[in-house]
Amino acid sequence: SWSGGSTNYADSVTGRFTISRANAKNTLYLRMNSL
């Protein structure tokens, strides 16, 4: 979501990937674990 307060994941990546954002940096991230 716009504020980072809500997220949604595909079933295939739930528990492995994490989406986050740094609004002050205008940057979106995707941390991928257990690839």
Full PDB file with SEQRES, HELIX, SHEET, SSBOND, CRYST1, ORIGX, SCALE, CONECT and MASTER records, all heavy atoms in Angstrom:
SEQRES   1 A   35  SER TRP SER GLY GLY SER THR ASN TYR ALA ASP SER VAL          
SEQRES   2 A   35  THR GLY ARG PHE THR ILE SER ARG ALA ASN ALA LYS ASN          
SEQRES   3 A   35  THR LEU TYR LEU ARG MET ASN SER LEU                          
HELIX    1 AA1 ASN A   23  LYS A   25  5                                   3    
SHEET    1 AA1 2 PHE A  17  ALA A  22  0                                        
SHEET    2 AA1 2 THR A  27  MET A  32 -1                                        
CRYST1    1.000    1.000    1.000  90.00  90.00  90.00 P 1           1          
ORIGX1      1.000000  0.000000  0.000000        0.00000                         
ORIGX2      0.000000  1.000000  0.000000        0.00000                         
ORIGX3      0.000000  0.000000  1.000000        0.00000                         
SCALE1      1.000000  0.000000  0.000000        0.00000                         
SCALE2      0.000000  1.000000  0.000000        0.00000                         
SCALE3      0.000000  0.000000  1.000000        0.00000                         
ATOM      1  N   SER A   1       0.822  -1.197   0.000  1.00  0.00           N  
ATOM      2  CA  SER A   1       0.000   0.000   0.000  1.00  0.00           C  
ATOM      3  C   SER A   1       0.860   1.252   0.000  1.00  0.00           C  
ATOM      4  O   SER A   1       2.075   1.199   0.209  1.00  0.00           O  
ATOM      5  CB  SER A   1      -0.928   0.011   1.217  1.00  0.00           C  
ATOM      6  OG  SER A   1      -0.178   0.076   2.418  1.00  0.00           O  
ATOM      7  N   TRP A   2       0.224   2.367  -0.209  1.00  0.00           N  
ATOM      8  CA  TRP A   2       0.930   3.641  -0.309  1.00  0.00           C  
ATOM      9  C   TRP A   2       1.800   3.944   0.902  1.00  0.00           C  
ATOM     10  O   TRP A   2       2.885   4.522   0.767  1.00  0.00           O  
ATOM     11  CB  TRP A   2      -0.076   4.779  -0.517  1.00  0.00           C  
ATOM     12  CG  TRP A   2      -0.948   5.021   0.688  1.00  0.00           C  
ATOM     13  CD1 TRP A   2      -2.070   4.340   1.057  1.00  0.00           C  
ATOM     14  CD2 TRP A   2      -0.750   6.036   1.673  1.00  0.00           C  
ATOM     15  NE1 TRP A   2      -2.582   4.864   2.220  1.00  0.00           N  
ATOM     16  CE2 TRP A   2      -1.787   5.907   2.620  1.00  0.00           C  
ATOM     17  CE3 TRP A   2       0.198   7.047   1.854  1.00  0.00           C  
ATOM     18  CZ2 TRP A   2      -1.903   6.740   3.727  1.00  0.00           C  
ATOM     19  CZ3 TRP A   2       0.086   7.883   2.953  1.00  0.00           C  
ATOM     20  CH2 TRP A   2      -0.954   7.725   3.873  1.00  0.00           C  
ATOM     21  N   SER A   3       1.343   3.555   2.077  1.00  0.00           N  
ATOM     22  CA  SER A   3       2.059   3.859   3.303  1.00  0.00           C  
ATOM     23  C   SER A   3       2.998   2.737   3.740  1.00  0.00           C  
ATOM     24  O   SER A   3       3.816   2.934   4.642  1.00  0.00           O  
ATOM     25  CB  SER A   3       1.061   4.127   4.421  1.00  0.00           C  
ATOM     26  OG  SER A   3       0.317   2.959   4.711  1.00  0.00           O  
ATOM     27  N   GLY A   4       2.854   1.577   3.117  1.00  0.00           N  
ATOM     28  CA  GLY A   4       3.609   0.423   3.541  1.00  0.00           C  
ATOM     29  C   GLY A   4       2.924  -0.379   4.630  1.00  0.00           C  
ATOM     30  O   GLY A   4       3.459  -1.388   5.086  1.00  0.00           O  
ATOM     31  N   GLY A   5       1.738   0.045   5.031  1.00  0.00           N  
ATOM     32  CA  GLY A   5       1.042  -0.605   6.116  1.00  0.00           C  
ATOM     33  C   GLY A   5       0.360  -1.911   5.757  1.00  0.00           C  
ATOM     34  O   GLY A   5       0.042  -2.699   6.647  1.00  0.00           O  
ATOM     35  N   SER A   6       0.140  -2.145   4.477  1.00  0.00           N  
ATOM     36  CA  SER A   6      -0.506  -3.371   4.027  1.00  0.00           C  
ATOM     37  C   SER A   6       0.287  -3.980   2.886  1.00  0.00           C  
ATOM     38  O   SER A   6       0.823  -3.259   2.044  1.00  0.00           O  
ATOM     39  CB  SER A   6      -1.930  -3.093   3.555  1.00  0.00           C  
ATOM     40  OG  SER A   6      -2.730  -2.587   4.610  1.00  0.00           O  
ATOM     41  N   THR A   7       0.341  -5.303   2.860  1.00  0.00           N  
ATOM     42  CA  THR A   7       1.044  -6.005   1.791  1.00  0.00           C  
ATOM     43  C   THR A   7       0.215  -7.168   1.299  1.00  0.00           C  
ATOM     44  O   THR A   7      -0.708  -7.628   1.962  1.00  0.00           O  
ATOM     45  CB  THR A   7       2.409  -6.525   2.257  1.00  0.00           C  
ATOM     46  OG1 THR A   7       2.229  -7.395   3.378  1.00  0.00           O  
ATOM     47  CG2 THR A   7       3.323  -5.373   2.662  1.00  0.00           C  
ATOM     48  N   ASN A   8       0.578  -7.650   0.120  1.00  0.00           N  
ATOM     49  CA  ASN A   8      -0.103  -8.792  -0.462  1.00  0.00           C  
ATOM     50  C   ASN A   8       0.916  -9.585  -1.271  1.00  0.00           C  
ATOM     51  O   ASN A   8       1.739  -8.990  -1.963  1.00  0.00           O  
ATOM     52  CB  ASN A   8      -1.258  -8.324  -1.353  1.00  0.00           C  
ATOM     53  CG  ASN A   8      -2.243  -9.424  -1.656  1.00  0.00           C  
ATOM     54  OD1 ASN A   8      -2.048 -10.207  -2.577  1.00  0.00           O  
ATOM     55  ND2 ASN A   8      -3.307  -9.484  -0.871  1.00  0.00           N  
ATOM     56  N   TYR A   9       0.853 -10.910  -1.186  1.00  0.00           N  
ATOM     57  CA  TYR A   9       1.823 -11.764  -1.849  1.00  0.00           C  
ATOM     58  C   TYR A   9       1.162 -12.872  -2.647  1.00  0.00           C  
ATOM     59  O   TYR A   9       0.097 -13.371  -2.284  1.00  0.00           O  
ATOM     60  CB  TYR A   9       2.746 -12.421  -0.828  1.00  0.00           C  
ATOM     61  CG  TYR A   9       3.587 -11.457  -0.035  1.00  0.00           C  
ATOM     62  CD1 TYR A   9       3.143 -10.960   1.190  1.00  0.00           C  
ATOM     63  CD2 TYR A   9       4.820 -11.046  -0.510  1.00  0.00           C  
ATOM     64  CE1 TYR A   9       3.915 -10.074   1.920  1.00  0.00           C  
ATOM     65  CE2 TYR A   9       5.600 -10.160   0.216  1.00  0.00           C  
ATOM     66  CZ  TYR A   9       5.141  -9.680   1.433  1.00  0.00           C  
ATOM     67  OH  TYR A   9       5.913  -8.800   2.149  1.00  0.00           O  
ATOM     68  N   ALA A  10       1.826 -13.262  -3.707  1.00  0.00           N  
ATOM     69  CA  ALA A  10       1.408 -14.447  -4.434  1.00  0.00           C  
ATOM     70  C   ALA A  10       1.651 -15.665  -3.552  1.00  0.00           C  
ATOM     71  O   ALA A  10       2.596 -15.694  -2.758  1.00  0.00           O  
ATOM     72  CB  ALA A  10       2.194 -14.575  -5.737  1.00  0.00           C  
ATOM     73  N   ASP A  11       0.813 -16.677  -3.707  1.00  0.00           N  
ATOM     74  CA  ASP A  11       0.961 -17.883  -2.901  1.00  0.00           C  
ATOM     75  C   ASP A  11       2.346 -18.511  -3.054  1.00  0.00           C  
ATOM     76  O   ASP A  11       2.906 -19.058  -2.098  1.00  0.00           O  
ATOM     77  CB  ASP A  11      -0.096 -18.915  -3.292  1.00  0.00           C  
ATOM     78  CG  ASP A  11      -1.491 -18.504  -2.874  1.00  0.00           C  
ATOM     79  OD1 ASP A  11      -1.634 -17.604  -2.031  1.00  0.00           O  
ATOM     80  OD2 ASP A  11      -2.460 -19.099  -3.408  1.00  0.00           O  
ATOM     81  N   SER A  12       2.906 -18.412  -4.233  1.00  0.00           N  
ATOM     82  CA  SER A  12       4.178 -19.053  -4.509  1.00  0.00           C  
ATOM     83  C   SER A  12       5.359 -18.424  -3.775  1.00  0.00           C  
ATOM     84  O   SER A  12       6.415 -19.051  -3.660  1.00  0.00           O  
ATOM     85  CB  SER A  12       4.456 -19.040  -6.018  1.00  0.00           C  
ATOM     86  OG  SER A  12       4.504 -17.714  -6.508  1.00  0.00           O  
ATOM     87  N   VAL A  13       5.186 -17.202  -3.289  1.00  0.00           N  
ATOM     88  CA  VAL A  13       6.298 -16.526  -2.623  1.00  0.00           C  
ATOM     89  C   VAL A  13       6.017 -16.191  -1.174  1.00  0.00           C  
ATOM     90  O   VAL A  13       6.929 -15.741  -0.460  1.00  0.00           O  
ATOM     91  CB  VAL A  13       6.717 -15.241  -3.373  1.00  0.00           C  
ATOM     92  CG1 VAL A  13       6.988 -15.552  -4.842  1.00  0.00           C  
ATOM     93  CG2 VAL A  13       5.653 -14.155  -3.238  1.00  0.00           C  
ATOM     94  N   THR A  14       4.807 -16.402  -0.718  1.00  0.00           N  
ATOM     95  CA  THR A  14       4.455 -16.086   0.660  1.00  0.00           C  
ATOM     96  C   THR A  14       5.372 -16.831   1.631  1.00  0.00           C  
ATOM     97  O   THR A  14       5.587 -18.030   1.509  1.00  0.00           O  
ATOM     98  CB  THR A  14       2.993 -16.459   0.951  1.00  0.00           C  
ATOM     99  OG1 THR A  14       2.133 -15.649   0.144  1.00  0.00           O  
ATOM    100  CG2 THR A  14       2.647 -16.235   2.414  1.00  0.00           C  
ATOM    101  N   GLY A  15       5.906 -16.099   2.578  1.00  0.00           N  
ATOM    102  CA  GLY A  15       6.813 -16.685   3.552  1.00  0.00           C  
ATOM    103  C   GLY A  15       8.263 -16.641   3.134  1.00  0.00           C  
ATOM    104  O   GLY A  15       9.145 -16.852   3.972  1.00  0.00           O  
ATOM    105  N   ARG A  16       8.516 -16.377   1.872  1.00  0.00           N  
ATOM    106  CA  ARG A  16       9.890 -16.309   1.374  1.00  0.00           C  
ATOM    107  C   ARG A  16      10.296 -14.903   0.951  1.00  0.00           C  
ATOM    108  O   ARG A  16      11.447 -14.510   1.121  1.00  0.00           O  
ATOM    109  CB  ARG A  16      10.081 -17.256   0.190  1.00  0.00           C  
ATOM    110  CG  ARG A  16       9.841 -18.715   0.525  1.00  0.00           C  
ATOM    111  CD  ARG A  16      10.250 -19.616  -0.638  1.00  0.00           C  
ATOM    112  NE  ARG A  16       9.480 -19.343  -1.850  1.00  0.00           N  
ATOM    113  CZ  ARG A  16      10.012 -18.970  -3.015  1.00  0.00           C  
ATOM    114  NH1 ARG A  16      11.328 -18.825  -3.137  1.00  0.00           N  
ATOM    115  NH2 ARG A  16       9.229 -18.758  -4.064  1.00  0.00           N  
ATOM    116  N   PHE A  17       9.355 -14.169   0.388  1.00  0.00           N  
ATOM    117  CA  PHE A  17       9.638 -12.823  -0.103  1.00  0.00           C  
ATOM    118  C   PHE A  17       9.017 -11.782   0.815  1.00  0.00           C  
ATOM    119  O   PHE A  17       7.959 -12.008   1.411  1.00  0.00           O  
ATOM    120  CB  PHE A  17       9.058 -12.621  -1.504  1.00  0.00           C  
ATOM    121  CG  PHE A  17       9.740 -13.398  -2.596  1.00  0.00           C  
ATOM    122  CD1 PHE A  17      10.652 -14.403  -2.319  1.00  0.00           C  
ATOM    123  CD2 PHE A  17       9.457 -13.105  -3.924  1.00  0.00           C  
ATOM    124  CE1 PHE A  17      11.272 -15.119  -3.331  1.00  0.00           C  
ATOM    125  CE2 PHE A  17      10.063 -13.812  -4.950  1.00  0.00           C  
ATOM    126  CZ  PHE A  17      10.973 -14.816  -4.655  1.00  0.00           C  
ATOM    127  N   THR A  18       9.649 -10.628   0.892  1.00  0.00           N  
ATOM    128  CA  THR A  18       9.127  -9.516   1.668  1.00  0.00           C  
ATOM    129  C   THR A  18       9.221  -8.230   0.857  1.00  0.00           C  
ATOM    130  O   THR A  18      10.306  -7.850   0.413  1.00  0.00           O  
ATOM    131  CB  THR A  18       9.901  -9.333   2.981  1.00  0.00           C  
ATOM    132  OG1 THR A  18       9.846 -10.534   3.750  1.00  0.00           O  
ATOM    133  CG2 THR A  18       9.295  -8.197   3.798  1.00  0.00           C  
ATOM    134  N   ILE A  19       8.085  -7.586   0.676  1.00  0.00           N  
ATOM    135  CA  ILE A  19       8.068  -6.307  -0.017  1.00  0.00           C  
ATOM    136  C   ILE A  19       8.074  -5.190   1.020  1.00  0.00           C  
ATOM    137  O   ILE A  19       7.434  -5.298   2.068  1.00  0.00           O  
ATOM    138  CB  ILE A  19       6.837  -6.188  -0.948  1.00  0.00           C  
ATOM    139  CG1 ILE A  19       6.924  -4.918  -1.805  1.00  0.00           C  
ATOM    140  CG2 ILE A  19       5.536  -6.229  -0.158  1.00  0.00           C  
ATOM    141  CD1 ILE A  19       5.869  -4.852  -2.905  1.00  0.00           C  
ATOM    142  N   SER A  20       8.806  -4.146   0.741  1.00  0.00           N  
ATOM    143  CA  SER A  20       8.864  -3.011   1.649  1.00  0.00           C  
ATOM    144  C   SER A  20       9.149  -1.753   0.845  1.00  0.00           C  
ATOM    145  O   SER A  20       9.482  -1.821  -0.339  1.00  0.00           O  
ATOM    146  CB  SER A  20       9.930  -3.221   2.733  1.00  0.00           C  
ATOM    147  OG  SER A  20      11.223  -3.333   2.160  1.00  0.00           O  
ATOM    148  N   ARG A  21       9.027  -0.625   1.487  1.00  0.00           N  
ATOM    149  CA  ARG A  21       9.305   0.628   0.802  1.00  0.00           C  
ATOM    150  C   ARG A  21       9.925   1.629   1.749  1.00  0.00           C  
ATOM    151  O   ARG A  21       9.657   1.615   2.956  1.00  0.00           O  
ATOM    152  CB  ARG A  21       8.027   1.196   0.174  1.00  0.00           C  
ATOM    153  CG  ARG A  21       6.957   1.604   1.168  1.00  0.00           C  
ATOM    154  CD  ARG A  21       5.621   1.825   0.475  1.00  0.00           C  
ATOM    155  NE  ARG A  21       5.693   2.889  -0.513  1.00  0.00           N  
ATOM    156  CZ  ARG A  21       4.810   3.076  -1.484  1.00  0.00           C  
ATOM    157  NH1 ARG A  21       3.779   2.243  -1.610  1.00  0.00           N  
ATOM    158  NH2 ARG A  21       4.960   4.079  -2.341  1.00  0.00           N  
ATOM    159  N   ALA A  22      10.747   2.489   1.199  1.00  0.00           N  
ATOM    160  CA  ALA A  22      11.357   3.581   1.932  1.00  0.00           C  
ATOM    161  C   ALA A  22      10.894   4.854   1.234  1.00  0.00           C  
ATOM    162  O   ALA A  22      11.513   5.313   0.276  1.00  0.00           O  
ATOM    163  CB  ALA A  22      12.868   3.469   1.929  1.00  0.00           C  
ATOM    164  N   ASN A  23       9.784   5.384   1.707  1.00  0.00           N  
ATOM    165  CA  ASN A  23       9.185   6.526   1.023  1.00  0.00           C  
ATOM    166  C   ASN A  23      10.086   7.748   0.982  1.00  0.00           C  
ATOM    167  O   ASN A  23      10.056   8.514   0.018  1.00  0.00           O  
ATOM    168  CB  ASN A  23       7.835   6.871   1.662  1.00  0.00           C  
ATOM    169  CG  ASN A  23       6.741   5.917   1.246  1.00  0.00           C  
ATOM    170  OD1 ASN A  23       6.921   5.104   0.335  1.00  0.00           O  
ATOM    171  ND2 ASN A  23       5.597   5.995   1.910  1.00  0.00           N  
ATOM    172  N   ALA A  24      10.870   7.935   2.017  1.00  0.00           N  
ATOM    173  CA  ALA A  24      11.776   9.072   2.044  1.00  0.00           C  
ATOM    174  C   ALA A  24      12.845   8.963   0.967  1.00  0.00           C  
ATOM    175  O   ALA A  24      13.434   9.967   0.570  1.00  0.00           O  
ATOM    176  CB  ALA A  24      12.420   9.208   3.415  1.00  0.00           C  
ATOM    177  N   LYS A  25      13.093   7.747   0.491  1.00  0.00           N  
ATOM    178  CA  LYS A  25      14.096   7.508  -0.542  1.00  0.00           C  
ATOM    179  C   LYS A  25      13.481   7.232  -1.906  1.00  0.00           C  
ATOM    180  O   LYS A  25      14.207   6.968  -2.869  1.00  0.00           O  
ATOM    181  CB  LYS A  25      14.977   6.320  -0.163  1.00  0.00           C  
ATOM    182  CG  LYS A  25      15.749   6.486   1.130  1.00  0.00           C  
ATOM    183  CD  LYS A  25      16.561   5.235   1.416  1.00  0.00           C  
ATOM    184  CE  LYS A  25      17.326   5.347   2.715  1.00  0.00           C  
ATOM    185  NZ  LYS A  25      18.087   4.103   3.011  1.00  0.00           N  
ATOM    186  N   ASN A  26      12.162   7.261  -1.992  1.00  0.00           N  
ATOM    187  CA  ASN A  26      11.458   6.926  -3.237  1.00  0.00           C  
ATOM    188  C   ASN A  26      11.905   5.574  -3.775  1.00  0.00           C  
ATOM    189  O   ASN A  26      12.136   5.406  -4.979  1.00  0.00           O  
ATOM    190  CB  ASN A  26      11.688   8.008  -4.296  1.00  0.00           C  
ATOM    191  CG  ASN A  26      10.860   9.246  -4.055  1.00  0.00           C  
ATOM    192  OD1 ASN A  26      10.221   9.409  -3.020  1.00  0.00           O  
ATOM    193  ND2 ASN A  26      10.860  10.152  -5.027  1.00  0.00           N  
ATOM    194  N   THR A  27      12.014   4.613  -2.882  1.00  0.00           N  
ATOM    195  CA  THR A  27      12.538   3.310  -3.262  1.00  0.00           C  
ATOM    196  C   THR A  27      11.661   2.181  -2.751  1.00  0.00           C  
ATOM    197  O   THR A  27      11.227   2.183  -1.596  1.00  0.00           O  
ATOM    198  CB  THR A  27      13.966   3.124  -2.742  1.00  0.00           C  
ATOM    199  OG1 THR A  27      14.801   4.171  -3.258  1.00  0.00           O  
ATOM    200  CG2 THR A  27      14.534   1.791  -3.202  1.00  0.00           C  
ATOM    201  N   LEU A  28      11.423   1.217  -3.612  1.00  0.00           N  
ATOM    202  CA  LEU A  28      10.686   0.007  -3.301  1.00  0.00           C  
ATOM    203  C   LEU A  28      11.673  -1.152  -3.260  1.00  0.00           C  
ATOM    204  O   LEU A  28      12.616  -1.188  -4.052  1.00  0.00           O  
ATOM    205  CB  LEU A  28       9.637  -0.246  -4.377  1.00  0.00           C  
ATOM    206  CG  LEU A  28       8.805  -1.522  -4.266  1.00  0.00           C  
ATOM    207  CD1 LEU A  28       7.784  -1.389  -3.144  1.00  0.00           C  
ATOM    208  CD2 LEU A  28       8.108  -1.815  -5.596  1.00  0.00           C  
ATOM    209  N   TYR A  29      11.431  -2.108  -2.376  1.00  0.00           N  
ATOM    210  CA  TYR A  29      12.321  -3.252  -2.234  1.00  0.00           C  
ATOM    211  C   TYR A  29      11.560  -4.566  -2.316  1.00  0.00           C  
ATOM    212  O   TYR A  29      10.373  -4.638  -2.009  1.00  0.00           O  
ATOM    213  CB  TYR A  29      13.045  -3.225  -0.890  1.00  0.00           C  
ATOM    214  CG  TYR A  29      13.873  -1.998  -0.656  1.00  0.00           C  
ATOM    215  CD1 TYR A  29      13.400  -0.966   0.145  1.00  0.00           C  
ATOM    216  CD2 TYR A  29      15.138  -1.863  -1.223  1.00  0.00           C  
ATOM    217  CE1 TYR A  29      14.161   0.170   0.376  1.00  0.00           C  
ATOM    218  CE2 TYR A  29      15.905  -0.733  -1.000  1.00  0.00           C  
ATOM    219  CZ  TYR A  29      15.414   0.278  -0.198  1.00  0.00           C  
ATOM    220  OH  TYR A  29      16.178   1.396   0.024  1.00  0.00           O  
ATOM    221  N   LEU A  30      12.281  -5.598  -2.697  1.00  0.00           N  
ATOM    222  CA  LEU A  30      11.768  -6.951  -2.620  1.00  0.00           C  
ATOM    223  C   LEU A  30      12.894  -7.834  -2.108  1.00  0.00           C  
ATOM    224  O   LEU A  30      13.871  -8.071  -2.816  1.00  0.00           O  
ATOM    225  CB  LEU A  30      11.282  -7.460  -3.978  1.00  0.00           C  
ATOM    226  CG  LEU A  30      10.660  -8.863  -3.951  1.00  0.00           C  
ATOM    227  CD1 LEU A  30       9.339  -8.843  -3.192  1.00  0.00           C  
ATOM    228  CD2 LEU A  30      10.454  -9.402  -5.367  1.00  0.00           C  
ATOM    229  N   ARG A  31      12.755  -8.286  -0.872  1.00  0.00           N  
ATOM    230  CA  ARG A  31      13.726  -9.198  -0.307  1.00  0.00           C  
ATOM    231  C   ARG A  31      13.279 -10.622  -0.606  1.00  0.00           C  
ATOM    232  O   ARG A  31      12.164 -11.002  -0.258  1.00  0.00           O  
ATOM    233  CB  ARG A  31      13.839  -9.001   1.208  1.00  0.00           C  
ATOM    234  CG  ARG A  31      14.828  -9.934   1.890  1.00  0.00           C  
ATOM    235  CD  ARG A  31      16.244  -9.626   1.458  1.00  0.00           C  
ATOM    236  NE  ARG A  31      17.203 -10.558   2.036  1.00  0.00           N  
ATOM    237  CZ  ARG A  31      18.510 -10.478   1.891  1.00  0.00           C  
ATOM    238  NH1 ARG A  31      19.035  -9.479   1.183  1.00  0.00           N  
ATOM    239  NH2 ARG A  31      19.295 -11.379   2.444  1.00  0.00           N  
ATOM    240  N   MET A  32      14.137 -11.376  -1.239  1.00  0.00           N  
ATOM    241  CA  MET A  32      13.814 -12.730  -1.649  1.00  0.00           C  
ATOM    242  C   MET A  32      14.724 -13.702  -0.915  1.00  0.00           C  
ATOM    243  O   MET A  32      15.942 -13.657  -1.082  1.00  0.00           O  
ATOM    244  CB  MET A  32      13.974 -12.879  -3.157  1.00  0.00           C  
ATOM    245  CG  MET A  32      13.161 -11.870  -3.959  1.00  0.00           C  
ATOM    246  SD  MET A  32      13.302 -12.109  -5.752  1.00  0.00           S  
ATOM    247  CE  MET A  32      15.027 -11.680  -5.976  1.00  0.00           C  
ATOM    248  N   ASN A  33      14.131 -14.558  -0.128  1.00  0.00           N  
ATOM    249  CA  ASN A  33      14.863 -15.586   0.604  1.00  0.00           C  
ATOM    250  C   ASN A  33      14.470 -16.960   0.097  1.00  0.00           C  
ATOM    251  O   ASN A  33      13.446 -17.132  -0.552  1.00  0.00           O  
ATOM    252  CB  ASN A  33      14.561 -15.498   2.097  1.00  0.00           C  
ATOM    253  CG  ASN A  33      15.056 -14.230   2.734  1.00  0.00           C  
ATOM    254  OD1 ASN A  33      16.088 -13.689   2.360  1.00  0.00           O  
ATOM    255  ND2 ASN A  33      14.320 -13.743   3.733  1.00  0.00           N  
ATOM    256  N   SER A  34      15.288 -17.943   0.421  1.00  0.00           N  
ATOM    257  CA  SER A  34      15.018 -19.335   0.051  1.00  0.00           C  
ATOM    258  C   SER A  34      14.662 -19.453  -1.417  1.00  0.00           C  
ATOM    259  O   SER A  34      13.682 -20.093  -1.803  1.00  0.00           O  
ATOM    260  CB  SER A  34      13.893 -19.909   0.923  1.00  0.00           C  
ATOM    261  OG  SER A  34      14.220 -19.840   2.292  1.00  0.00           O  
ATOM    262  N   LEU A  35      15.459 -18.845  -2.245  1.00  0.00           N  
ATOM    263  CA  LEU A  35      15.170 -18.810  -3.676  1.00  0.00           C  
ATOM    264  C   LEU A  35      15.207 -20.202  -4.304  1.00  0.00           C  
ATOM    265  O   LEU A  35      16.006 -21.051  -3.922  1.00  0.00           O  
ATOM    266  CB  LEU A  35      16.147 -17.885  -4.380  1.00  0.00           C  
ATOM    267  CG  LEU A  35      15.840 -16.398  -4.199  1.00  0.00           C  
ATOM    268  CD1 LEU A  35      17.060 -15.554  -4.548  1.00  0.00           C  
ATOM    269  CD2 LEU A  35      14.643 -16.002  -5.058  1.00  0.00           C  
TER     270      LEU A  35                                                      
MASTER        0    0    0    1    2    0    0    6  269    1    0    3          
END                                                                             
